[in-house]
Amino acid sequence: MPKTLPVVDISAPICCAPVSAAPLDDDAALEIALRLKALADPVRLKLLSILLSDSSGEGVCTCDLAVAVGLTEATTSHHLGQLRKAGMVTPSDAA
């Protein structure tokens, strides 16, 4: 049985005008849908949270992210790839 997710307060927009401000055109609707799809996974939300809270300025290694979310590096890389395709993260190669 699927878990019930808590209700999120969406009364104030996070970064942009509410969807109800004006009808979306096809391109805008597709862009938003792709980003929401990428975020529609608890692991990806956790990864994004870890990356956003990193204050080192050096980025976070996939191996460290894998440990933090309790998955293999391959699975973690897959999730990061989905976030990258949605334009939410960018890869950084270690020197």
Protein backbone atom coordinates (compact mmCIF):
# COMPACT_ATOMS: atom_id res chain seq x y z
CA MET A 1 0.00 0.00 0.00
CA PRO A 2 1.43 3.43 -0.95
CA LYS A 3 2.40 5.80 1.80
CA THR A 4 0.23 8.86 2.30
CA LEU A 5 2.24 12.02 1.84
CA PRO A 6 1.68 14.99 4.15
CA VAL A 7 -0.15 18.05 2.84
CA VAL A 8 2.24 20.86 1.94
CA ASP A 9 1.34 24.51 2.50
CA ILE A 10 1.41 26.10 -0.95
CA SER A 11 -0.19 29.40 -0.02
CA ALA A 12 2.94 31.38 -0.92
CA PRO A 13 4.91 30.76 -4.14
CA ILE A 14 8.50 29.64 -3.70
CA CYS A 15 10.13 31.35 -6.67
CA CYS A 16 7.67 32.40 -9.29
CA ALA A 17 4.10 33.44 -9.99
CA PRO A 18 1.46 30.90 -9.03
CA VAL A 19 0.18 28.70 -11.83
CA SER A 20 -3.22 30.32 -11.29
CA ALA A 21 -1.86 33.79 -12.23
CA ALA A 22 -2.51 33.13 -15.94
CA PRO A 23 -3.16 30.14 -18.17
CA LEU A 24 0.02 28.29 -19.10
CA ASP A 25 1.00 27.84 -22.71
CA ASP A 26 2.07 24.38 -23.89
CA ASP A 27 5.81 25.02 -23.48
CA ALA A 28 5.49 26.40 -19.95
CA ALA A 29 3.22 23.52 -18.91
CA LEU A 30 5.69 20.96 -20.26
CA GLU A 31 8.64 22.65 -18.53
CA ILE A 32 6.89 22.69 -15.17
CA ALA A 33 5.65 19.12 -15.58
CA LEU A 34 9.15 17.82 -16.32
CA ARG A 35 10.56 19.51 -13.24
CA LEU A 36 7.75 18.27 -11.03
CA LYS A 37 8.24 14.75 -12.37
CA ALA A 38 11.93 14.93 -11.46
CA LEU A 39 11.01 16.04 -7.94
CA ALA A 40 8.28 13.43 -7.52
CA ASP A 41 10.62 11.04 -5.77
CA PRO A 42 11.61 11.23 -2.09
CA VAL A 43 15.22 10.23 -2.83
CA ARG A 44 15.61 13.05 -5.36
CA LEU A 45 14.16 15.54 -2.93
CA LYS A 46 16.61 14.36 -0.28
CA LEU A 47 19.53 14.59 -2.73
CA LEU A 48 18.53 18.11 -3.71
CA SER A 49 18.23 19.05 -0.04
CA ILE A 50 21.71 17.72 0.70
CA LEU A 51 23.21 19.56 -2.26
CA LEU A 52 21.49 22.84 -1.41
CA SER A 53 22.57 22.68 2.23
CA ASP A 54 26.25 22.03 1.39
CA SER A 55 28.21 25.08 2.48
CA SER A 56 31.68 23.86 1.51
CA GLY A 57 31.52 25.40 -1.95
CA GLU A 58 33.31 22.33 -3.27
CA GLY A 59 30.26 20.24 -4.14
CA VAL A 60 29.43 16.78 -2.85
CA CYS A 61 30.84 13.50 -4.15
CA THR A 62 28.37 10.96 -5.51
CA CYS A 63 29.90 8.39 -3.15
CA ASP A 64 29.02 10.59 -0.16
CA LEU A 65 25.52 11.21 -1.48
CA ALA A 66 25.01 7.46 -1.93
CA VAL A 67 25.89 6.84 1.71
CA ALA A 68 23.62 9.68 2.85
CA VAL A 69 20.58 8.28 1.04
CA GLY A 70 21.43 4.60 1.62
CA LEU A 71 21.67 3.61 -2.05
CA THR A 72 24.38 2.37 -4.38
CA GLU A 73 26.45 4.89 -6.30
CA ALA A 74 24.87 3.67 -9.55
CA THR A 75 21.34 4.28 -8.29
CA THR A 76 22.34 7.64 -6.83
CA SER A 77 23.91 8.60 -10.17
CA HIS A 78 20.66 7.68 -11.92
CA HIS A 79 18.68 9.97 -9.61
CA LEU A 80 21.20 12.78 -10.08
CA GLY A 81 20.90 12.28 -13.84
CA GLN A 82 17.16 12.80 -13.64
CA LEU A 83 17.70 16.01 -11.67
CA ARG A 84 20.31 17.11 -14.23
CA LYS A 85 17.94 16.49 -17.15
CA ALA A 86 15.37 18.67 -15.37
CA GLY A 87 17.96 21.45 -15.05
CA MET A 88 18.09 21.27 -11.26
CA VAL A 89 21.72 20.21 -10.78
CA THR A 90 24.91 20.44 -12.81
CA PRO A 91 27.76 17.93 -12.71
CA SER A 92 31.16 18.95 -11.45
CA ASP A 93 34.22 16.89 -12.28
CA ALA A 94 36.82 16.53 -9.56
CA ALA A 95 40.25 17.81 -10.52
